[in-house]
């Protein structure tokens, strides 16, 4: 139990030393404040993006999915037809 208490006192001393350094070091304080303001700005921007972003959903649930699927099928049919025609033409030669 005494060892835990001693450890806590050591940590307190270290934290106070860091705190005193920070209080004396004005450029570090300024930089910390700049970072804090920047993080607040980023948080606001993320909040705005979350408000306008659509919720995640599967591709099948999008309105244009059937049209996309049909386009892919049509392109596949055209490619198969083109490959077949090339094969027939190469066999004739």
Protein backbone atom coordinates (compact mmCIF):
# COMPACT_ATOMS: atom_id res chain seq x y z
CA UNK A 1 0.00 0.00 0.00
CA UNK A 2 2.83 2.37 0.82
CA UNK A 3 4.44 1.62 -2.56
CA UNK A 4 1.26 2.70 -4.39
CA UNK A 5 1.13 5.89 -2.38
CA UNK A 6 4.81 6.57 -3.11
CA UNK A 7 4.23 5.91 -6.81
CA UNK A 8 1.33 8.37 -6.86
CA UNK A 9 3.51 11.01 -5.18
CA UNK A 10 6.20 10.48 -7.81
CA UNK A 11 3.67 10.86 -10.60
CA UNK A 12 2.33 14.02 -8.97
CA UNK A 13 5.83 15.47 -8.80
CA UNK A 14 6.46 14.68 -12.48
CA UNK A 15 3.14 16.20 -13.50
CA UNK A 16 3.82 19.35 -11.50
CA UNK A 17 7.24 19.71 -13.13
CA UNK A 18 5.66 19.42 -16.57
CA UNK A 19 2.94 21.86 -15.59
CA UNK A 20 5.49 24.40 -14.37
CA UNK A 21 7.47 24.05 -17.62
CA UNK A 22 4.30 24.54 -19.64
CA UNK A 23 3.32 27.62 -17.59
CA UNK A 24 6.76 29.17 -18.21
CA UNK A 25 6.93 28.30 -21.91
CA UNK A 26 4.70 30.77 -23.74
CA UNK A 27 5.35 29.43 -27.28
CA UNK A 28 4.21 25.97 -26.15
CA UNK A 29 1.05 27.50 -24.67
CA UNK A 30 0.36 29.37 -27.90
CA UNK A 31 0.89 26.26 -29.99
CA UNK A 32 -1.38 24.25 -27.70
CA UNK A 33 -4.12 26.88 -28.06
CA UNK A 34 -3.71 26.87 -31.85
CA UNK A 35 -4.06 23.09 -31.89
CA UNK A 36 -7.13 23.30 -29.68
CA UNK A 37 -8.79 25.83 -31.99
CA UNK A 38 -7.89 23.76 -35.04
CA UNK A 39 -9.39 20.62 -33.48
CA UNK A 40 -12.58 22.49 -32.63
CA UNK A 41 -12.82 23.68 -36.23
CA UNK A 42 -12.31 20.14 -37.50
CA UNK A 43 -14.97 18.85 -35.13
CA UNK A 44 -17.44 21.43 -36.47
CA UNK A 45 -16.63 20.46 -40.04
CA UNK A 46 -17.10 16.77 -39.30
CA UNK A 47 -20.45 17.52 -37.64
CA UNK A 48 -21.59 19.42 -40.76
CA UNK A 49 -20.48 16.57 -43.03
CA UNK A 50 -22.28 14.02 -40.89
CA UNK A 51 -25.47 16.06 -41.17
CA UNK A 52 -25.45 16.11 -44.97
CA UNK A 53 -24.00 12.64 -45.58
CA UNK A 54 -26.37 9.82 -46.39
CA UNK A 55 -26.45 6.86 -44.03
CA UNK A 56 -24.48 3.83 -45.05
CA UNK A 57 -26.51 1.32 -47.02
CA UNK A 58 -25.98 -1.62 -49.33
CA UNK A 59 -25.59 -0.91 -53.03
CA UNK A 60 -28.75 -2.89 -53.78
CA UNK A 61 -30.82 -0.29 -51.90
CA UNK A 62 -29.83 2.62 -54.15
CA UNK A 63 -32.49 3.72 -56.64
CA UNK A 64 -30.16 3.45 -59.61
CA UNK A 65 -28.98 -0.08 -58.78
CA UNK A 66 -31.27 -1.90 -61.28
CA UNK A 67 -30.13 0.44 -64.07
CA UNK A 68 -26.47 -0.08 -63.09
CA UNK A 69 -26.93 -3.85 -63.08
CA UNK A 70 -28.58 -3.76 -66.51
CA UNK A 71 -25.73 -1.62 -67.89
CA UNK A 72 -23.16 -4.08 -66.58
CA UNK A 73 -25.06 -7.01 -68.11
CA UNK A 74 -25.31 -5.19 -71.46
CA UNK A 75 -21.58 -4.44 -71.46
CA UNK A 76 -20.84 -8.07 -70.64
CA UNK A 77 -23.07 -9.28 -73.51
CA UNK A 78 -21.36 -6.86 -75.91
CA UNK A 79 -17.92 -8.01 -74.78
CA UNK A 80 -18.88 -11.67 -75.13
CA UNK A 81 -20.26 -10.96 -78.60
CA UNK A 82 -17.11 -9.09 -79.59
CA UNK A 83 -14.86 -11.88 -78.29
CA UNK A 84 -16.92 -14.51 -80.12
CA UNK A 85 -16.79 -12.52 -83.37
CA UNK A 86 -13.01 -12.13 -83.07
CA UNK A 87 -12.64 -15.86 -82.46
CA UNK A 88 -14.77 -16.73 -85.51
CA UNK A 89 -12.86 -14.28 -87.67
CA UNK A 90 -9.51 -15.66 -86.56
CA UNK A 91 -10.63 -19.23 -87.32
CA UNK A 92 -11.67 -18.26 -90.86
CA UNK A 93 -8.25 -16.92 -91.67
